Amino acid sequence: MNITSHSPHLHWFAVRVTYSRELALKAFLDEEKIENFIPMRRDYIVKKGRRIRRLVPAVHNLVFIRSTRKRIDALKDKAGMNIPMRYIMDREQRLPIVIPDSQMRSFILVAGTYEESIVYVEPAELQLIKGQKVRVIGGVFEGAVGEFVRIRRDRRVVVNIEGVMAVATTFIHSSLVEPIAD
C-alpha cells in the first residue's frame, strides 16, 4: 500500500494511545506505510542540563490514522504492536468517528505549521462559539476551511473535528478569508 494512496476505502480515524506513546505508534505506522498525523508543536525540553527546542506532540495520546477499519483492527492484534490504542467513538452511533478527507486536509494545513500561536481547543469549549464558515484565500493557511471566530481576543479560523479536537489559526485578517455556504 502506498502512503499517498487515495483509495475510497481509506478513511481518517482518530485514536487514543496510553502513556504518551503517540510517537512510538507513529514510528510503527510509518514502518507499516500507513498514513498518519500527530499535531505537533515546538517546545523546550531539558536534556543533560541544557534547554533544547524540539517538536513534541501538541495533544497527548492523540493520533490520526488514514486506513481501513479492518487494517487498524488487525494492527491492534499484531505481534510486536504493544501500544494499546482505542478509537475515539461517536457516542450516539457507537461507532468510531470517521473524519472526512477534506476536513482532515484543513486540519493538517493548520496544525502542521507548528506556529506557536496556534490554539488547540477541546470540543466542549467550542459549543458556545458559532462563526461564519470561511475559506482562507491567502497566507500560510491558504486553502483551509473552517469557521471565522473570535478566540482570546483575536479573529481566527477554527477547523473543528467534531467530538475529537479543534485547532485555531494564529490571528488572521478578514481580508484573507472568504465566506462560503454551508
C-alpha atoms as a PDB file:
ATOM      1  CA  MET A   1       0.000   0.000   0.000  1.00  0.00           C
ATOM      2  CA  ASN A   2       1.372   3.404  -0.976  1.00  0.00           C
ATOM      3  CA  ILE A   3       1.411   6.001   1.809  1.00  0.00           C
ATOM      4  CA  THR A   4      -0.162   8.594  -0.514  1.00  0.00           C
ATOM      5  CA  SER A   5      -2.820   6.258  -1.879  1.00  0.00           C
ATOM      6  CA  HIS A   6      -6.249   7.888  -2.247  1.00  0.00           C
ATOM      7  CA  SER A   7      -8.428   4.806  -2.241  1.00  0.00           C
ATOM      8  CA  PRO A   8     -12.098   5.498  -1.468  1.00  0.00           C
ATOM      9  CA  HIS A   9     -11.893   2.693   1.112  1.00  0.00           C
ATOM     10  CA  LEU A  10      -9.391   4.590   3.249  1.00  0.00           C
ATOM     11  CA  HIS A  11     -10.731   6.844   5.984  1.00  0.00           C
ATOM     12  CA  TRP A  12      -9.238   9.044   8.672  1.00  0.00           C
ATOM     13  CA  PHE A  13      -9.808   7.729  12.212  1.00  0.00           C
ATOM     14  CA  ALA A  14      -8.809   9.361  15.494  1.00  0.00           C
ATOM     15  CA  VAL A  15      -7.314   7.018  18.082  1.00  0.00           C
ATOM     16  CA  ARG A  16      -6.121   7.431  21.649  1.00  0.00           C
ATOM     17  CA  VAL A  17      -2.971   5.753  22.932  1.00  0.00           C
ATOM     18  CA  THR A  18      -1.846   5.406  26.525  1.00  0.00           C
ATOM     19  CA  TYR A  19       1.160   6.802  28.382  1.00  0.00           C
ATOM     20  CA  SER A  20       2.101   9.415  25.734  1.00  0.00           C
ATOM     21  CA  ARG A  21       3.204   6.731  23.270  1.00  0.00           C
ATOM     22  CA  GLU A  22       1.896   8.565  20.209  1.00  0.00           C
ATOM     23  CA  LEU A  23       5.394   8.871  18.677  1.00  0.00           C
ATOM     24  CA  ALA A  24       6.012   5.137  19.126  1.00  0.00           C
ATOM     25  CA  LEU A  25       2.716   4.454  17.328  1.00  0.00           C
ATOM     26  CA  LYS A  26       3.707   6.897  14.576  1.00  0.00           C
ATOM     27  CA  ALA A  27       7.021   5.078  14.061  1.00  0.00           C
ATOM     28  CA  PHE A  28       5.160   1.760  13.859  1.00  0.00           C
ATOM     29  CA  LEU A  29       2.595   3.145  11.374  1.00  0.00           C
ATOM     30  CA  ASP A  30       5.358   4.712   9.248  1.00  0.00           C
ATOM     31  CA  GLU A  31       7.092   1.330   9.149  1.00  0.00           C
ATOM     32  CA  GLU A  32       3.823  -0.266   8.015  1.00  0.00           C
ATOM     33  CA  LYS A  33       3.438   2.505   5.353  1.00  0.00           C
ATOM     34  CA  ILE A  34       0.177   3.720   6.885  1.00  0.00           C
ATOM     35  CA  GLU A  35      -0.557   7.441   6.585  1.00  0.00           C
ATOM     36  CA  ASN A  36      -0.889   9.148   9.956  1.00  0.00           C
ATOM     37  CA  PHE A  37      -0.769  12.569  11.559  1.00  0.00           C
ATOM     38  CA  ILE A  38       0.081  13.831  15.023  1.00  0.00           C
ATOM     39  CA  PRO A  39      -0.431  17.534  15.803  1.00  0.00           C
ATOM     40  CA  MET A  40       2.991  18.793  16.931  1.00  0.00           C
ATOM     41  CA  ARG A  41       4.349  21.998  18.466  1.00  0.00           C
ATOM     42  CA  ARG A  42       7.788  23.359  19.270  1.00  0.00           C
ATOM     43  CA  ASP A  43       8.684  23.271  22.949  1.00  0.00           C
ATOM     44  CA  TYR A  44      11.754  23.337  25.145  1.00  0.00           C
ATOM     45  CA  ILE A  45      12.944  20.208  26.889  1.00  0.00           C
ATOM     46  CA  VAL A  46      15.892  19.849  29.253  1.00  0.00           C
ATOM     47  CA  LYS A  47      18.448  17.260  28.174  1.00  0.00           C
ATOM     48  CA  LYS A  48      21.716  16.823  30.095  1.00  0.00           C
ATOM     49  CA  GLY A  49      21.166  20.176  31.781  1.00  0.00           C
ATOM     50  CA  ARG A  50      20.636  22.075  28.507  1.00  0.00           C
ATOM     51  CA  ARG A  51      17.417  23.538  27.132  1.00  0.00           C
ATOM     52  CA  ILE A  52      16.760  22.165  23.657  1.00  0.00           C
ATOM     53  CA  ARG A  53      13.936  23.243  21.346  1.00  0.00           C
ATOM     54  CA  ARG A  54      12.120  20.230  19.965  1.00  0.00           C
ATOM     55  CA  LEU A  55       8.944  19.129  18.219  1.00  0.00           C
ATOM     56  CA  VAL A  56       6.614  17.427  20.694  1.00  0.00           C
ATOM     57  CA  PRO A  57       3.007  16.258  20.435  1.00  0.00           C
ATOM     58  CA  ALA A  58       0.662  19.216  20.924  1.00  0.00           C
ATOM     59  CA  VAL A  59      -2.151  16.980  22.185  1.00  0.00           C
ATOM     60  CA  HIS A  60      -1.056  13.979  24.201  1.00  0.00           C
ATOM     61  CA  ASN A  61      -2.306  10.499  23.333  1.00  0.00           C
ATOM     62  CA  LEU A  62      -3.997  11.543  20.052  1.00  0.00           C
ATOM     63  CA  VAL A  63      -3.085  10.053  16.654  1.00  0.00           C
ATOM     64  CA  PHE A  64      -4.955  10.320  13.354  1.00  0.00           C
ATOM     65  CA  ILE A  65      -4.695   7.284  11.073  1.00  0.00           C
ATOM     66  CA  ARG A  66      -5.765   7.032   7.411  1.00  0.00           C
ATOM     67  CA  SER A  67      -6.534   3.409   6.652  1.00  0.00           C
ATOM     68  CA  THR A  68      -9.381   0.924   6.654  1.00  0.00           C
ATOM     69  CA  ARG A  69     -11.021  -0.035   9.901  1.00  0.00           C
ATOM     70  CA  LYS A  70     -10.208  -3.670   9.143  1.00  0.00           C
ATOM     71  CA  ARG A  71      -6.486  -2.897   8.785  1.00  0.00           C
ATOM     72  CA  ILE A  72      -6.401  -0.852  12.006  1.00  0.00           C
ATOM     73  CA  ASP A  73      -8.228  -3.624  13.873  1.00  0.00           C
ATOM     74  CA  ALA A  74      -5.676  -6.148  12.527  1.00  0.00           C
ATOM     75  CA  LEU A  75      -2.802  -3.910  13.692  1.00  0.00           C
ATOM     76  CA  LYS A  76      -4.168  -3.855  17.227  1.00  0.00           C
ATOM     77  CA  ASP A  77      -3.687  -7.642  17.370  1.00  0.00           C
ATOM     78  CA  LYS A  78      -0.345  -7.762  15.516  1.00  0.00           C
ATOM     79  CA  ALA A  79       2.592  -9.305  17.342  1.00  0.00           C
ATOM     80  CA  GLY A  80       5.104  -6.652  18.295  1.00  0.00           C
ATOM     81  CA  MET A  81       2.436  -3.954  18.335  1.00  0.00           C
ATOM     82  CA  ASN A  82       2.390  -3.433  22.091  1.00  0.00           C
ATOM     83  CA  ILE A  83       0.883   0.042  22.014  1.00  0.00           C
ATOM     84  CA  PRO A  84      -2.708  -0.099  23.234  1.00  0.00           C
ATOM     85  CA  MET A  85      -4.943   2.159  21.148  1.00  0.00           C
ATOM     86  CA  ARG A  86      -8.655   2.742  21.005  1.00  0.00           C
ATOM     87  CA  TYR A  87     -10.876   4.592  18.585  1.00  0.00           C
ATOM     88  CA  ILE A  88     -12.490   7.859  19.562  1.00  0.00           C
ATOM     89  CA  MET A  89     -16.138   6.921  19.316  1.00  0.00           C
ATOM     90  CA  ASP A  90     -19.276   8.671  18.150  1.00  0.00           C
ATOM     91  CA  ARG A  91     -21.359   8.272  21.300  1.00  0.00           C
ATOM     92  CA  GLU A  92     -24.711   8.337  19.511  1.00  0.00           C
ATOM     93  CA  GLN A  93     -23.895   5.816  16.792  1.00  0.00           C
ATOM     94  CA  ARG A  94     -21.448   3.830  18.917  1.00  0.00           C
ATOM     95  CA  LEU A  95     -19.011   3.653  16.001  1.00  0.00           C
ATOM     96  CA  PRO A  96     -15.516   5.062  15.536  1.00  0.00           C
ATOM     97  CA  ILE A  97     -15.560   8.670  14.330  1.00  0.00           C
ATOM     98  CA  VAL A  98     -14.689   8.834  10.628  1.00  0.00           C
ATOM     99  CA  ILE A  99     -13.168  12.168   9.613  1.00  0.00           C
ATOM    100  CA  PRO A 100     -13.826  13.359   6.044  1.00  0.00           C
ATOM    101  CA  ASP A 101     -10.659  13.781   3.935  1.00  0.00           C
ATOM    102  CA  SER A 102     -11.445  17.443   3.190  1.00  0.00           C
ATOM    103  CA  GLN A 103     -11.825  18.257   6.893  1.00  0.00           C
ATOM    104  CA  MET A 104      -8.606  16.415   7.733  1.00  0.00           C
ATOM    105  CA  ARG A 105      -6.733  18.283   4.960  1.00  0.00           C
ATOM    106  CA  SER A 106      -7.773  21.614   6.516  1.00  0.00           C
ATOM    107  CA  PHE A 107      -6.849  20.364   9.999  1.00  0.00           C
ATOM    108  CA  ILE A 108      -3.394  19.239   8.812  1.00  0.00           C
ATOM    109  CA  LEU A 109      -2.918  22.507   6.922  1.00  0.00           C
ATOM    110  CA  VAL A 110      -3.380  24.477  10.153  1.00  0.00           C
ATOM    111  CA  ALA A 111      -1.942  22.047  12.731  1.00  0.00           C
ATOM    112  CA  GLY A 112       1.000  21.082  10.519  1.00  0.00           C
ATOM    113  CA  THR A 113       2.554  24.572  10.541  1.00  0.00           C
ATOM    114  CA  TYR A 114       3.964  24.350  14.110  1.00  0.00           C
ATOM    115  CA  GLU A 115       3.080  28.033  14.615  1.00  0.00           C
ATOM    116  CA  GLU A 116       3.478  28.898  18.288  1.00  0.00           C
ATOM    117  CA  SER A 117       0.248  30.882  18.463  1.00  0.00           C
ATOM    118  CA  ILE A 118      -1.951  28.075  17.118  1.00  0.00           C
ATOM    119  CA  VAL A 119      -4.516  27.128  19.743  1.00  0.00           C
ATOM    120  CA  TYR A 120      -5.862  23.609  20.291  1.00  0.00           C
ATOM    121  CA  VAL A 121      -9.399  23.673  21.604  1.00  0.00           C
ATOM    122  CA  GLU A 122     -11.401  20.919  23.249  1.00  0.00           C
ATOM    123  CA  PRO A 123     -14.758  20.364  21.503  1.00  0.00           C
ATOM    124  CA  ALA A 124     -16.676  21.350  24.659  1.00  0.00           C
ATOM    125  CA  GLU A 125     -15.099  24.840  24.545  1.00  0.00           C
ATOM    126  CA  LEU A 126     -16.456  25.386  21.026  1.00  0.00           C
ATOM    127  CA  GLN A 127     -20.095  24.700  21.855  1.00  0.00           C
ATOM    128  CA  LEU A 128     -20.607  28.320  22.833  1.00  0.00           C
ATOM    129  CA  ILE A 129     -18.937  29.784  19.717  1.00  0.00           C
ATOM    130  CA  LYS A 130     -20.589  29.858  16.309  1.00  0.00           C
ATOM    131  CA  GLY A 131     -18.915  31.636  13.432  1.00  0.00           C
ATOM    132  CA  GLN A 132     -19.166  32.252   9.701  1.00  0.00           C
ATOM    133  CA  LYS A 133     -17.964  29.339   7.562  1.00  0.00           C
ATOM    134  CA  VAL A 134     -14.956  30.570   5.534  1.00  0.00           C
ATOM    135  CA  ARG A 135     -12.112  29.537   3.268  1.00  0.00           C
ATOM    136  CA  VAL A 136      -8.662  31.096   3.768  1.00  0.00           C
ATOM    137  CA  ILE A 137      -7.609  32.703   0.468  1.00  0.00           C
ATOM    138  CA  GLY A 138      -4.103  33.899   1.318  1.00  0.00           C
ATOM    139  CA  GLY A 139      -1.158  33.448   3.632  1.00  0.00           C
ATOM    140  CA  VAL A 140       0.278  30.352   5.252  1.00  0.00           C
ATOM    141  CA  PHE A 141      -3.173  28.795   5.883  1.00  0.00           C
ATOM    142  CA  GLU A 142      -4.431  29.291   2.292  1.00  0.00           C
ATOM    143  CA  GLY A 143      -7.000  26.632   1.396  1.00  0.00           C
ATOM    144  CA  ALA A 144      -8.064  25.798   4.957  1.00  0.00           C
ATOM    145  CA  VAL A 145     -11.820  25.697   5.513  1.00  0.00           C
ATOM    146  CA  GLY A 146     -13.308  26.395   8.932  1.00  0.00           C
ATOM    147  CA  GLU A 147     -15.282  28.897  10.993  1.00  0.00           C
ATOM    148  CA  PHE A 148     -14.179  32.503  11.479  1.00  0.00           C
ATOM    149  CA  VAL A 149     -14.476  33.156  15.221  1.00  0.00           C
ATOM    150  CA  ARG A 150     -13.009  35.316  17.972  1.00  0.00           C
ATOM    151  CA  ILE A 151     -10.865  33.345  20.420  1.00  0.00           C
ATOM    152  CA  ARG A 152      -8.793  35.024  23.114  1.00  0.00           C
ATOM    153  CA  ARG A 153      -9.429  38.483  21.605  1.00  0.00           C
ATOM    154  CA  ASP A 154      -8.187  37.517  18.107  1.00  0.00           C
ATOM    155  CA  ARG A 155     -10.070  36.549  14.973  1.00  0.00           C
ATOM    156  CA  ARG A 156      -9.041  33.057  13.928  1.00  0.00           C
ATOM    157  CA  VAL A 157     -10.187  30.302  11.618  1.00  0.00           C
ATOM    158  CA  VAL A 158     -11.131  27.199  13.594  1.00  0.00           C
ATOM    159  CA  VAL A 159     -11.040  23.752  11.998  1.00  0.00           C
ATOM    160  CA  ASN A 160     -13.203  21.500  14.153  1.00  0.00           C
ATOM    161  CA  ILE A 161     -13.167  17.709  14.027  1.00  0.00           C
ATOM    162  CA  GLU A 162     -16.451  17.025  15.747  1.00  0.00           C
ATOM    163  CA  GLY A 163     -16.051  15.114  19.008  1.00  0.00           C
ATOM    164  CA  VAL A 164     -12.237  14.933  18.736  1.00  0.00           C
ATOM    165  CA  MET A 165     -10.344  18.227  18.648  1.00  0.00           C
ATOM    166  CA  ALA A 166     -10.283  21.649  17.054  1.00  0.00           C
ATOM    167  CA  VAL A 167      -7.367  23.794  16.010  1.00  0.00           C
ATOM    168  CA  ALA A 168      -7.431  27.571  15.601  1.00  0.00           C
ATOM    169  CA  THR A 169      -5.067  29.502  13.340  1.00  0.00           C
ATOM    170  CA  THR A 170      -2.996  32.425  14.510  1.00  0.00           C
ATOM    171  CA  PHE A 171      -4.663  35.836  14.119  1.00  0.00           C
ATOM    172  CA  ILE A 172      -5.971  36.101  10.577  1.00  0.00           C
ATOM    173  CA  HIS A 173      -7.066  39.318   8.939  1.00  0.00           C
ATOM    174  CA  SER A 174     -10.593  39.333   7.484  1.00  0.00           C
ATOM    175  CA  SER A 175      -9.172  40.243   4.050  1.00  0.00           C
ATOM    176  CA  LEU A 176      -7.608  36.762   3.899  1.00  0.00           C
ATOM    177  CA  VAL A 177     -10.908  34.878   4.224  1.00  0.00           C
ATOM    178  CA  GLU A 178     -13.942  34.491   2.015  1.00  0.00           C
ATOM    179  CA  PRO A 179     -17.357  33.346   3.260  1.00  0.00           C
ATOM    180  CA  ILE A 180     -18.657  30.041   1.911  1.00  0.00           C
ATOM    181  CA  ALA A 181     -22.089  28.451   2.107  1.00  0.00           C
ATOM    182  CA  ASP A 182     -22.630  25.529   4.493  1.00  0.00           C
END
